[in-house]
Amino acid sequence: MEPIFASALSTLANVLKESLQLQGARGLDLERATSGDTSDEELPEELRLNVCLVTEVFVQILATGVGTLAFIWATVVLLGGFSTYLHKADFWVITGIVFVQAAK
C-alpha cells in the first residue's frame, strides 16, 4: 500500500507544480522551492495554500461519495423489503441516514 501512496503523492505534487507555473521572479522562486532544494519552512505560501485546498477538496469529494453510497444502501434496505430482517434500532438508524442525506 505504501508504494501506491507514494505514487499518488508524487502525482499530486507534479499536478500542483504544473498548475503553479507563475511568470517572472515569483515563478523562478516557486520552481526552485518545488524542486526539492529547500526545506518545508521555505516553501512559498501559494504552494502551502494549494496543497491545503487540494486536500480539503479531496476529503469533501470522498465524504460526498461515502454519503451517496450510504443513502443508496439505506434506500435499498428500506424499500427493497430487507427491513423485515432488521432489528428495531438498526431500522431507525437506517431511516435516520435516509432522512439526513435526503435533507442535504
PDB file of N, CA and C in Angstrom:
ATOM      1  N   MET A   1       0.828  -1.197   0.000  1.00  0.00           N
ATOM      2  CA  MET A   1       0.000   0.000   0.000  1.00  0.00           C
ATOM      3  C   MET A   1       0.864   1.248   0.000  1.00  0.00           C
ATOM      4  N   GLU A   2       2.052   1.136   0.574  1.00  0.00           N
ATOM      5  CA  GLU A   2       2.929   2.292   0.683  1.00  0.00           C
ATOM      6  C   GLU A   2       3.400   2.801  -0.683  1.00  0.00           C
ATOM      7  N   PRO A   3       3.780   1.928  -1.667  1.00  0.00           N
ATOM      8  CA  PRO A   3       4.174   2.446  -2.976  1.00  0.00           C
ATOM      9  C   PRO A   3       3.030   3.154  -3.689  1.00  0.00           C
ATOM     10  N   ILE A   4       1.807   2.693  -3.482  1.00  0.00           N
ATOM     11  CA  ILE A   4       0.661   3.348  -4.106  1.00  0.00           C
ATOM     12  C   ILE A   4       0.488   4.743  -3.539  1.00  0.00           C
ATOM     13  N   PHE A   5       0.636   4.876  -2.215  1.00  0.00           N
ATOM     14  CA  PHE A   5       0.521   6.182  -1.571  1.00  0.00           C
ATOM     15  C   PHE A   5       1.621   7.115  -2.059  1.00  0.00           C
ATOM     16  N   ALA A   6       2.849   6.608  -2.174  1.00  0.00           N
ATOM     17  CA  ALA A   6       3.964   7.433  -2.643  1.00  0.00           C
ATOM     18  C   ALA A   6       3.740   7.863  -4.082  1.00  0.00           C
ATOM     19  N   SER A   7       3.220   6.965  -4.899  1.00  0.00           N
ATOM     20  CA  SER A   7       2.941   7.299  -6.294  1.00  0.00           C
ATOM     21  C   SER A   7       1.846   8.354  -6.400  1.00  0.00           C
ATOM     22  N   ALA A   8       0.792   8.209  -5.601  1.00  0.00           N
ATOM     23  CA  ALA A   8      -0.291   9.193  -5.620  1.00  0.00           C
ATOM     24  C   ALA A   8       0.196  10.546  -5.125  1.00  0.00           C
ATOM     25  N   LEU A   9       1.035  10.541  -4.103  1.00  0.00           N
ATOM     26  CA  LEU A   9       1.581  11.790  -3.575  1.00  0.00           C
ATOM     27  C   LEU A   9       2.494  12.457  -4.590  1.00  0.00           C
ATOM     28  N   SER A  10       3.281  11.670  -5.300  1.00  0.00           N
ATOM     29  CA  SER A  10       4.156  12.204  -6.339  1.00  0.00           C
ATOM     30  C   SER A  10       3.342  12.805  -7.478  1.00  0.00           C
ATOM     31  N   THR A  11       2.282  12.119  -7.875  1.00  0.00           N
ATOM     32  CA  THR A  11       1.411  12.636  -8.927  1.00  0.00           C
ATOM     33  C   THR A  11       0.753  13.933  -8.500  1.00  0.00           C
ATOM     34  N   LEU A  12       0.279  13.988  -7.262  1.00  0.00           N
ATOM     35  CA  LEU A  12      -0.330  15.206  -6.740  1.00  0.00           C
ATOM     36  C   LEU A  12       0.666  16.353  -6.738  1.00  0.00           C
ATOM     37  N   ALA A  13       1.905  16.077  -6.338  1.00  0.00           N
ATOM     38  CA  ALA A  13       2.932  17.116  -6.326  1.00  0.00           C
ATOM     39  C   ALA A  13       3.223  17.612  -7.735  1.00  0.00           C
ATOM     40  N   ASN A  14       3.260  16.703  -8.707  1.00  0.00           N
ATOM     41  CA  ASN A  14       3.502  17.112 -10.094  1.00  0.00           C
ATOM     42  C   ASN A  14       2.365  17.962 -10.638  1.00  0.00           C
ATOM     43  N   VAL A  15       1.142  17.586 -10.321  1.00  0.00           N
ATOM     44  CA  VAL A  15      -0.011  18.370 -10.781  1.00  0.00           C
ATOM     45  C   VAL A  15       0.015  19.761 -10.170  1.00  0.00           C
ATOM     46  N   LEU A  16       0.298  19.838  -8.886  1.00  0.00           N
ATOM     47  CA  LEU A  16       0.386  21.146  -8.231  1.00  0.00           C
ATOM     48  C   LEU A  16       1.513  21.981  -8.815  1.00  0.00           C
ATOM     49  N   LYS A  17       2.632  21.354  -9.079  1.00  0.00           N
ATOM     50  CA  LYS A  17       3.779  22.067  -9.633  1.00  0.00           C
ATOM     51  C   LYS A  17       3.439  22.646 -11.004  1.00  0.00           C
ATOM     52  N   GLU A  18       2.763  21.859 -11.837  1.00  0.00           N
ATOM     53  CA  GLU A  18       2.388  22.335 -13.159  1.00  0.00           C
ATOM     54  C   GLU A  18       1.322  23.422 -13.090  1.00  0.00           C
ATOM     55  N   SER A  19       0.424  23.328 -12.120  1.00  0.00           N
ATOM     56  CA  SER A  19      -0.649  24.319 -12.021  1.00  0.00           C
ATOM     57  C   SER A  19      -0.168  25.636 -11.444  1.00  0.00           C
ATOM     58  N   LEU A  20       1.015  25.642 -10.864  1.00  0.00           N
ATOM     59  CA  LEU A  20       1.526  26.852 -10.235  1.00  0.00           C
ATOM     60  C   LEU A  20       2.593  27.549 -11.071  1.00  0.00           C
ATOM     61  N   GLN A  21       2.580  27.349 -12.363  1.00  0.00           N
ATOM     62  CA  GLN A  21       3.556  27.997 -13.227  1.00  0.00           C
ATOM     63  C   GLN A  21       3.279  29.494 -13.243  1.00  0.00           C
ATOM     64  N   LEU A  22       4.128  30.239 -12.562  1.00  0.00           N
ATOM     65  CA  LEU A  22       3.971  31.685 -12.460  1.00  0.00           C
ATOM     66  C   LEU A  22       5.026  32.376 -13.306  1.00  0.00           C
ATOM     67  N   GLN A  23       4.741  33.592 -13.732  1.00  0.00           N
ATOM     68  CA  GLN A  23       5.655  34.362 -14.564  1.00  0.00           C
ATOM     69  C   GLN A  23       6.627  35.151 -13.705  1.00  0.00           C
ATOM     70  N   GLY A  24       7.794  35.441 -14.249  1.00  0.00           N
ATOM     71  CA  GLY A  24       8.737  36.341 -13.598  1.00  0.00           C
ATOM     72  C   GLY A  24       9.478  35.714 -12.438  1.00  0.00           C
ATOM     73  N   ALA A  25       9.914  36.583 -11.518  1.00  0.00           N
ATOM     74  CA  ALA A  25      10.740  36.161 -10.388  1.00  0.00           C
ATOM     75  C   ALA A  25       9.978  35.231  -9.451  1.00  0.00           C
ATOM     76  N   ARG A  26       8.689  35.469  -9.264  1.00  0.00           N
ATOM     77  CA  ARG A  26       7.913  34.598  -8.386  1.00  0.00           C
ATOM     78  C   ARG A  26       7.869  33.185  -8.937  1.00  0.00           C
ATOM     79  N   GLY A  27       7.772  33.061 -10.262  1.00  0.00           N
ATOM     80  CA  GLY A  27       7.776  31.740 -10.876  1.00  0.00           C
ATOM     81  C   GLY A  27       9.091  31.018 -10.666  1.00  0.00           C
ATOM     82  N   LEU A  28      10.204  31.743 -10.752  1.00  0.00           N
ATOM     83  CA  LEU A  28      11.508  31.134 -10.515  1.00  0.00           C
ATOM     84  C   LEU A  28      11.658  30.703  -9.067  1.00  0.00           C
ATOM     85  N   ASP A  29      11.201  31.541  -8.136  1.00  0.00           N
ATOM     86  CA  ASP A  29      11.258  31.172  -6.721  1.00  0.00           C
ATOM     87  C   ASP A  29      10.421  29.929  -6.454  1.00  0.00           C
ATOM     88  N   LEU A  30       9.241  29.877  -7.072  1.00  0.00           N
ATOM     89  CA  LEU A  30       8.364  28.733  -6.859  1.00  0.00           C
ATOM     90  C   LEU A  30       8.966  27.472  -7.455  1.00  0.00           C
ATOM     91  N   GLU A  31       9.556  27.593  -8.642  1.00  0.00           N
ATOM     92  CA  GLU A  31      10.175  26.432  -9.272  1.00  0.00           C
ATOM     93  C   GLU A  31      11.331  25.917  -8.424  1.00  0.00           C
ATOM     94  N   ARG A  32      12.128  26.816  -7.878  1.00  0.00           N
ATOM     95  CA  ARG A  32      13.239  26.415  -7.023  1.00  0.00           C
ATOM     96  C   ARG A  32      12.711  25.756  -5.743  1.00  0.00           C
ATOM     97  N   ALA A  33      11.608  26.297  -5.212  1.00  0.00           N
ATOM     98  CA  ALA A  33      11.050  25.761  -3.969  1.00  0.00           C
ATOM     99  C   ALA A  33      10.440  24.382  -4.169  1.00  0.00           C
ATOM    100  N   THR A  34       9.879  24.127  -5.336  1.00  0.00           N
ATOM    101  CA  THR A  34       9.238  22.832  -5.572  1.00  0.00           C
ATOM    102  C   THR A  34      10.199  21.797  -6.124  1.00  0.00           C
ATOM    103  N   SER A  35      11.432  22.174  -6.426  1.00  0.00           N
ATOM    104  CA  SER A  35      12.377  21.210  -6.986  1.00  0.00           C
ATOM    105  C   SER A  35      13.052  20.365  -5.918  1.00  0.00           C
ATOM    106  N   GLY A  36      12.838  20.674  -4.647  1.00  0.00           N
ATOM    107  CA  GLY A  36      13.416  19.891  -3.568  1.00  0.00           C
ATOM    108  C   GLY A  36      14.693  20.482  -3.015  1.00  0.00           C
ATOM    109  N   ASP A  37      15.081  21.678  -3.456  1.00  0.00           N
ATOM    110  CA  ASP A  37      16.310  22.311  -2.987  1.00  0.00           C
ATOM    111  C   ASP A  37      16.148  23.007  -1.651  1.00  0.00           C
ATOM    112  N   THR A  38      14.926  23.188  -1.188  1.00  0.00           N
ATOM    113  CA  THR A  38      14.702  23.945   0.036  1.00  0.00           C
ATOM    114  C   THR A  38      13.946  23.093   1.034  1.00  0.00           C
ATOM    115  N   SER A  39      13.904  23.546   2.261  1.00  0.00           N
ATOM    116  CA  SER A  39      13.159  22.834   3.294  1.00  0.00           C
ATOM    117  C   SER A  39      11.696  23.263   3.268  1.00  0.00           C
ATOM    118  N   ASP A  40      10.881  22.619   4.097  1.00  0.00           N
ATOM    119  CA  ASP A  40       9.455  22.937   4.141  1.00  0.00           C
ATOM    120  C   ASP A  40       9.194  24.348   4.637  1.00  0.00           C
ATOM    121  N   GLU A  41      10.068  24.873   5.481  1.00  0.00           N
ATOM    122  CA  GLU A  41       9.842  26.210   6.023  1.00  0.00           C
ATOM    123  C   GLU A  41       9.979  27.286   4.952  1.00  0.00           C
ATOM    124  N   GLU A  42      10.704  26.982   3.860  1.00  0.00           N
ATOM    125  CA  GLU A  42      10.947  27.981   2.833  1.00  0.00           C
ATOM    126  C   GLU A  42       9.966  27.889   1.668  1.00  0.00           C
ATOM    127  N   LEU A  43       9.007  26.999   1.736  1.00  0.00           N
ATOM    128  CA  LEU A  43       8.035  26.877   0.651  1.00  0.00           C
ATOM    129  C   LEU A  43       7.182  28.130   0.576  1.00  0.00           C
ATOM    130  N   PRO A  44       6.857  28.557  -0.634  1.00  0.00           N
ATOM    131  CA  PRO A  44       6.017  29.753  -0.755  1.00  0.00           C
ATOM    132  C   PRO A  44       4.607  29.491  -0.231  1.00  0.00           C
ATOM    133  N   GLU A  45       3.970  30.564   0.172  1.00  0.00           N
ATOM    134  CA  GLU A  45       2.627  30.433   0.741  1.00  0.00           C
ATOM    135  C   GLU A  45       1.631  29.890  -0.268  1.00  0.00           C
ATOM    136  N   GLU A  46       1.828  30.196  -1.559  1.00  0.00           N
ATOM    137  CA  GLU A  46       0.901  29.707  -2.582  1.00  0.00           C
ATOM    138  C   GLU A  46       0.878  28.184  -2.616  1.00  0.00           C
ATOM    139  N   LEU A  47       2.062  27.579  -2.504  1.00  0.00           N
ATOM    140  CA  LEU A  47       2.129  26.122  -2.558  1.00  0.00           C
ATOM    141  C   LEU A  47       1.483  25.500  -1.327  1.00  0.00           C
ATOM    142  N   ARG A  48       1.744  26.057  -0.159  1.00  0.00           N
ATOM    143  CA  ARG A  48       1.111  25.542   1.064  1.00  0.00           C
ATOM    144  C   ARG A  48      -0.405  25.654   0.974  1.00  0.00           C
ATOM    145  N   LEU A  49      -0.873  26.801   0.499  1.00  0.00           N
ATOM    146  CA  LEU A  49      -2.313  27.018   0.384  1.00  0.00           C
ATOM    147  C   LEU A  49      -2.933  26.053  -0.615  1.00  0.00           C
ATOM    148  N   ASN A  50      -2.269  25.851  -1.752  1.00  0.00           N
ATOM    149  CA  ASN A  50      -2.814  24.947  -2.761  1.00  0.00           C
ATOM    150  C   ASN A  50      -2.838  23.502  -2.276  1.00  0.00           C
ATOM    151  N   VAL A  51      -1.809  23.080  -1.561  1.00  0.00           N
ATOM    152  CA  VAL A  51      -1.805  21.720  -1.014  1.00  0.00           C
ATOM    153  C   VAL A  51      -2.958  21.560  -0.030  1.00  0.00           C
ATOM    154  N   CYS A  52      -3.166  22.567   0.802  1.00  0.00           N
ATOM    155  CA  CYS A  52      -4.264  22.524   1.774  1.00  0.00           C
ATOM    156  C   CYS A  52      -5.619  22.465   1.063  1.00  0.00           C
ATOM    157  N   LEU A  53      -5.789  23.279   0.030  1.00  0.00           N
ATOM    158  CA  LEU A  53      -7.065  23.310  -0.686  1.00  0.00           C
ATOM    159  C   LEU A  53      -7.322  22.015  -1.446  1.00  0.00           C
ATOM    160  N   VAL A  54      -6.295  21.478  -2.091  1.00  0.00           N
ATOM    161  CA  VAL A  54      -6.468  20.220  -2.820  1.00  0.00           C
ATOM    162  C   VAL A  54      -6.830  19.098  -1.853  1.00  0.00           C
ATOM    163  N   THR A  55      -6.200  19.081  -0.688  1.00  0.00           N
ATOM    164  CA  THR A  55      -6.520  18.071   0.319  1.00  0.00           C
ATOM    165  C   THR A  55      -7.956  18.216   0.801  1.00  0.00           C
ATOM    166  N   GLU A  56      -8.376  19.457   1.048  1.00  0.00           N
ATOM    167  CA  GLU A  56      -9.742  19.690   1.515  1.00  0.00           C
ATOM    168  C   GLU A  56     -10.769  19.273   0.469  1.00  0.00           C
ATOM    169  N   VAL A  57     -10.512  19.594  -0.793  1.00  0.00           N
ATOM    170  CA  VAL A  57     -11.436  19.211  -1.863  1.00  0.00           C
ATOM    171  C   VAL A  57     -11.494  17.691  -1.987  1.00  0.00           C
ATOM    172  N   PHE A  58     -10.341  17.026  -1.876  1.00  0.00           N
ATOM    173  CA  PHE A  58     -10.321  15.566  -1.945  1.00  0.00           C
ATOM    174  C   PHE A  58     -11.154  14.949  -0.829  1.00  0.00           C
ATOM    175  N   VAL A  59     -11.010  15.465   0.378  1.00  0.00           N
ATOM    176  CA  VAL A  59     -11.781  14.949   1.518  1.00  0.00           C
ATOM    177  C   VAL A  59     -13.273  15.204   1.316  1.00  0.00           C
ATOM    178  N   GLN A  60     -13.627  16.374   0.771  1.00  0.00           N
ATOM    179  CA  GLN A  60     -15.040  16.671   0.527  1.00  0.00           C
ATOM    180  C   GLN A  60     -15.625  15.746  -0.532  1.00  0.00           C
ATOM    181  N   ILE A  61     -14.871  15.488  -1.589  1.00  0.00           N
ATOM    182  CA  ILE A  61     -15.344  14.571  -2.631  1.00  0.00           C
ATOM    183  C   ILE A  61     -15.510  13.164  -2.058  1.00  0.00           C
ATOM    184  N   LEU A  62     -14.553  12.740  -1.245  1.00  0.00           N
ATOM    185  CA  LEU A  62     -14.634  11.428  -0.614  1.00  0.00           C
ATOM    186  C   LEU A  62     -15.844  11.334   0.312  1.00  0.00           C
ATOM    187  N   ALA A  63     -16.082  12.372   1.106  1.00  0.00           N
ATOM    188  CA  ALA A  63     -17.227  12.372   2.025  1.00  0.00           C
ATOM    189  C   ALA A  63     -18.544  12.368   1.257  1.00  0.00           C
ATOM    190  N   THR A  64     -18.603  13.106   0.159  1.00  0.00           N
ATOM    191  CA  THR A  64     -19.816  13.119  -0.660  1.00  0.00           C
ATOM    192  C   THR A  64     -20.083  11.735  -1.247  1.00  0.00           C
ATOM    193  N   GLY A  65     -19.035  11.075  -1.716  1.00  0.00           N
ATOM    194  CA  GLY A  65     -19.193   9.730  -2.267  1.00  0.00           C
ATOM    195  C   GLY A  65     -19.662   8.731  -1.229  1.00  0.00           C
ATOM    196  N   VAL A  66     -19.082   8.793  -0.038  1.00  0.00           N
ATOM    197  CA  VAL A  66     -19.495   7.886   1.038  1.00  0.00           C
ATOM    198  C   VAL A  66     -20.934   8.172   1.447  1.00  0.00           C
ATOM    199  N   GLY A  67     -21.310   9.439   1.515  1.00  0.00           N
ATOM    200  CA  GLY A  67     -22.689   9.801   1.850  1.00  0.00           C
ATOM    201  C   GLY A  67     -23.676   9.304   0.809  1.00  0.00           C
ATOM    202  N   THR A  68     -23.296   9.412  -0.460  1.00  0.00           N
ATOM    203  CA  THR A  68     -24.164   8.923  -1.533  1.00  0.00           C
ATOM    204  C   THR A  68     -24.330   7.411  -1.452  1.00  0.00           C
ATOM    205  N   LEU A  69     -23.226   6.707  -1.211  1.00  0.00           N
ATOM    206  CA  LEU A  69     -23.322   5.251  -1.070  1.00  0.00           C
ATOM    207  C   LEU A  69     -24.177   4.852   0.129  1.00  0.00           C
ATOM    208  N   ALA A  70     -24.045   5.571   1.234  1.00  0.00           N
ATOM    209  CA  ALA A  70     -24.865   5.279   2.415  1.00  0.00           C
ATOM    210  C   ALA A  70     -26.337   5.527   2.125  1.00  0.00           C
ATOM    211  N   PHE A  71     -26.633   6.592   1.392  1.00  0.00           N
ATOM    212  CA  PHE A  71     -28.019   6.907   1.036  1.00  0.00           C
ATOM    213  C   PHE A  71     -28.612   5.815   0.148  1.00  0.00           C
ATOM    214  N   ILE A  72     -27.852   5.391  -0.858  1.00  0.00           N
ATOM    215  CA  ILE A  72     -28.341   4.345  -1.765  1.00  0.00           C
ATOM    216  C   ILE A  72     -28.548   3.034  -1.002  1.00  0.00           C
ATOM    217  N   TRP A  73     -27.567   2.675  -0.167  1.00  0.00           N
ATOM    218  CA  TRP A  73     -27.682   1.437   0.606  1.00  0.00           C
ATOM    219  C   TRP A  73     -28.892   1.482   1.532  1.00  0.00           C
ATOM    220  N   ALA A  74     -29.074   2.596   2.230  1.00  0.00           N
ATOM    221  CA  ALA A  74     -30.194   2.706   3.162  1.00  0.00           C
ATOM    222  C   ALA A  74     -31.525   2.655   2.423  1.00  0.00           C
ATOM    223  N   THR A  75     -31.593   3.282   1.261  1.00  0.00           N
ATOM    224  CA  THR A  75     -32.829   3.262   0.480  1.00  0.00           C
ATOM    225  C   THR A  75     -33.149   1.844   0.011  1.00  0.00           C
ATOM    226  N   VAL A  76     -32.137   1.131  -0.454  1.00  0.00           N
ATOM    227  CA  VAL A  76     -32.353  -0.249  -0.908  1.00  0.00           C
ATOM    228  C   VAL A  76     -32.817  -1.127   0.253  1.00  0.00           C
ATOM    229  N   VAL A  77     -32.229  -0.945   1.416  1.00  0.00           N
ATOM    230  CA  VAL A  77     -32.621  -1.756   2.576  1.00  0.00           C
ATOM    231  C   VAL A  77     -34.059  -1.464   2.969  1.00  0.00           C
ATOM    232  N   LEU A  78     -34.433  -0.181   3.003  1.00  0.00           N
ATOM    233  CA  LEU A  78     -35.786   0.170   3.447  1.00  0.00           C
ATOM    234  C   LEU A  78     -36.844  -0.160   2.405  1.00  0.00           C
ATOM    235  N   LEU A  79     -36.577   0.163   1.149  1.00  0.00           N
ATOM    236  CA  LEU A  79     -37.593  -0.031   0.115  1.00  0.00           C
ATOM    237  C   LEU A  79     -37.513  -1.399  -0.548  1.00  0.00           C
ATOM    238  N   GLY A  80     -36.399  -2.088  -0.365  1.00  0.00           N
ATOM    239  CA  GLY A  80     -36.219  -3.380  -1.023  1.00  0.00           C
ATOM    240  C   GLY A  80     -36.778  -4.549  -0.250  1.00  0.00           C
ATOM    241  N   GLY A  81     -37.420  -4.310   0.855  1.00  0.00           N
ATOM    242  CA  GLY A  81     -38.017  -5.401   1.602  1.00  0.00           C
ATOM    243  C   GLY A  81     -37.102  -6.034   2.628  1.00  0.00           C
ATOM    244  N   PHE A  82     -35.898  -5.485   2.790  1.00  0.00           N
ATOM    245  CA  PHE A  82     -34.971  -6.046   3.771  1.00  0.00           C
ATOM    246  C   PHE A  82     -35.242  -5.531   5.181  1.00  0.00           C
ATOM    247  N   SER A  83     -36.155  -4.599   5.312  1.00  0.00           N
ATOM    248  CA  SER A  83     -36.410  -4.013   6.630  1.00  0.00           C
ATOM    249  C   SER A  83     -37.011  -5.025   7.605  1.00  0.00           C
ATOM    250  N   THR A  84     -37.594  -6.095   7.092  1.00  0.00           N
ATOM    251  CA  THR A  84     -38.155  -7.113   7.984  1.00  0.00           C
ATOM    252  C   THR A  84     -37.065  -7.917   8.682  1.00  0.00           C
ATOM    253  N   TYR A  85     -35.848  -7.914   8.110  1.00  0.00           N
ATOM    254  CA  TYR A  85     -34.733  -8.648   8.701  1.00  0.00           C
ATOM    255  C   TYR A  85     -33.967  -7.829   9.731  1.00  0.00           C
ATOM    256  N   LEU A  86     -34.312  -6.563   9.886  1.00  0.00           N
ATOM    257  CA  LEU A  86     -33.558  -5.662  10.762  1.00  0.00           C
ATOM    258  C   LEU A  86     -34.119  -5.651  12.173  1.00  0.00           C
ATOM    259  N   HIS A  87     -33.225  -5.374  13.112  1.00  0.00           N
ATOM    260  CA  HIS A  87     -33.669  -5.102  14.475  1.00  0.00           C
ATOM    261  C   HIS A  87     -34.241  -3.691  14.505  1.00  0.00           C
ATOM    262  N   LYS A  88     -34.986  -3.390  15.530  1.00  0.00           N
ATOM    263  CA  LYS A  88     -35.655  -2.091  15.620  1.00  0.00           C
ATOM    264  C   LYS A  88     -34.649  -0.930  15.612  1.00  0.00           C
ATOM    265  N   ALA A  89     -33.560  -1.056  16.362  1.00  0.00           N
ATOM    266  CA  ALA A  89     -32.557   0.019  16.422  1.00  0.00           C
ATOM    267  C   ALA A  89     -31.891   0.221  15.061  1.00  0.00           C
ATOM    268  N   ASP A  90     -31.586  -0.881  14.361  1.00  0.00           N
ATOM    269  CA  ASP A  90     -30.975  -0.768  13.036  1.00  0.00           C
ATOM    270  C   ASP A  90     -31.913  -0.089  12.045  1.00  0.00           C
ATOM    271  N   PHE A  91     -33.196  -0.423  12.124  1.00  0.00           N
ATOM    272  CA  PHE A  91     -34.177   0.202  11.242  1.00  0.00           C
ATOM    273  C   PHE A  91     -34.188   1.712  11.428  1.00  0.00           C
ATOM    274  N   TRP A  92     -34.161   2.175  12.671  1.00  0.00           N
ATOM    275  CA  TRP A  92     -34.225   3.618  12.911  1.00  0.00           C
ATOM    276  C   TRP A  92     -32.925   4.316  12.530  1.00  0.00           C
ATOM    277  N   VAL A  93     -31.804   3.642  12.668  1.00  0.00           N
ATOM    278  CA  VAL A  93     -30.532   4.228  12.222  1.00  0.00           C
ATOM    279  C   VAL A  93     -30.540   4.408  10.708  1.00  0.00           C
ATOM    280  N   ILE A  94     -30.991   3.392  10.001  1.00  0.00           N
ATOM    281  CA  ILE A  94     -31.055   3.483   8.540  1.00  0.00           C
ATOM    282  C   ILE A  94     -32.059   4.544   8.112  1.00  0.00           C
ATOM    283  N   THR A  95     -33.186   4.615   8.788  1.00  0.00           N
ATOM    284  CA  THR A  95     -34.169   5.658   8.488  1.00  0.00           C
ATOM    285  C   THR A  95     -33.566   7.040   8.717  1.00  0.00           C
ATOM    286  N   GLY A  96     -32.796   7.195   9.775  1.00  0.00           N
ATOM    287  CA  GLY A  96     -32.117   8.469  10.039  1.00  0.00           C
ATOM    288  C   GLY A  96     -31.132   8.827   8.943  1.00  0.00           C
ATOM    289  N   ILE A  97     -30.365   7.841   8.462  1.00  0.00           N
ATOM    290  CA  ILE A  97     -29.429   8.089   7.364  1.00  0.00           C
ATOM    291  C   ILE A  97     -30.167   8.597   6.138  1.00  0.00           C
ATOM    292  N   VAL A  98     -31.282   7.956   5.805  1.00  0.00           N
ATOM    293  CA  VAL A  98     -32.051   8.372   4.629  1.00  0.00           C
ATOM    294  C   VAL A  98     -32.547   9.801   4.778  1.00  0.00           C
ATOM    295  N   PHE A  99     -33.101  10.142   5.935  1.00  0.00           N
ATOM    296  CA  PHE A  99     -33.629  11.496   6.118  1.00  0.00           C
ATOM    297  C   PHE A  99     -32.527  12.549   6.126  1.00  0.00           C
ATOM    298  N   VAL A 100     -31.405  12.252   6.766  1.00  0.00           N
ATOM    299  CA  VAL A 100     -30.304  13.228   6.807  1.00  0.00           C
ATOM    300  C   VAL A 100     -29.735  13.448   5.410  1.00  0.00           C
ATOM    301  N   GLN A 101     -29.509  12.378   4.668  1.00  0.00           N
ATOM    302  CA  GLN A 101     -28.954  12.525   3.326  1.00  0.00           C
ATOM    303  C   GLN A 101     -29.958  13.158   2.366  1.00  0.00           C
ATOM    304  N   ALA A 102     -31.237  12.871   2.542  1.00  0.00           N
ATOM    305  CA  ALA A 102     -32.253  13.482   1.679  1.00  0.00           C
ATOM    306  C   ALA A 102     -32.380  14.975   1.954  1.00  0.00           C
ATOM    307  N   ALA A 103     -32.212  15.372   3.208  1.00  0.00           N
ATOM    308  CA  ALA A 103     -32.307  16.796   3.553  1.00  0.00           C
ATOM    309  C   ALA A 103     -31.097  17.572   3.062  1.00  0.00           C
ATOM    310  N   LYS A 104     -29.996  16.893   2.889  1.00  0.00           N
ATOM    311  CA  LYS A 104     -28.768  17.537   2.428  1.00  0.00           C
ATOM    312  C   LYS A 104     -28.940  17.958   1.000  1.00  0.00           C
TER     313      LYS A 104
END
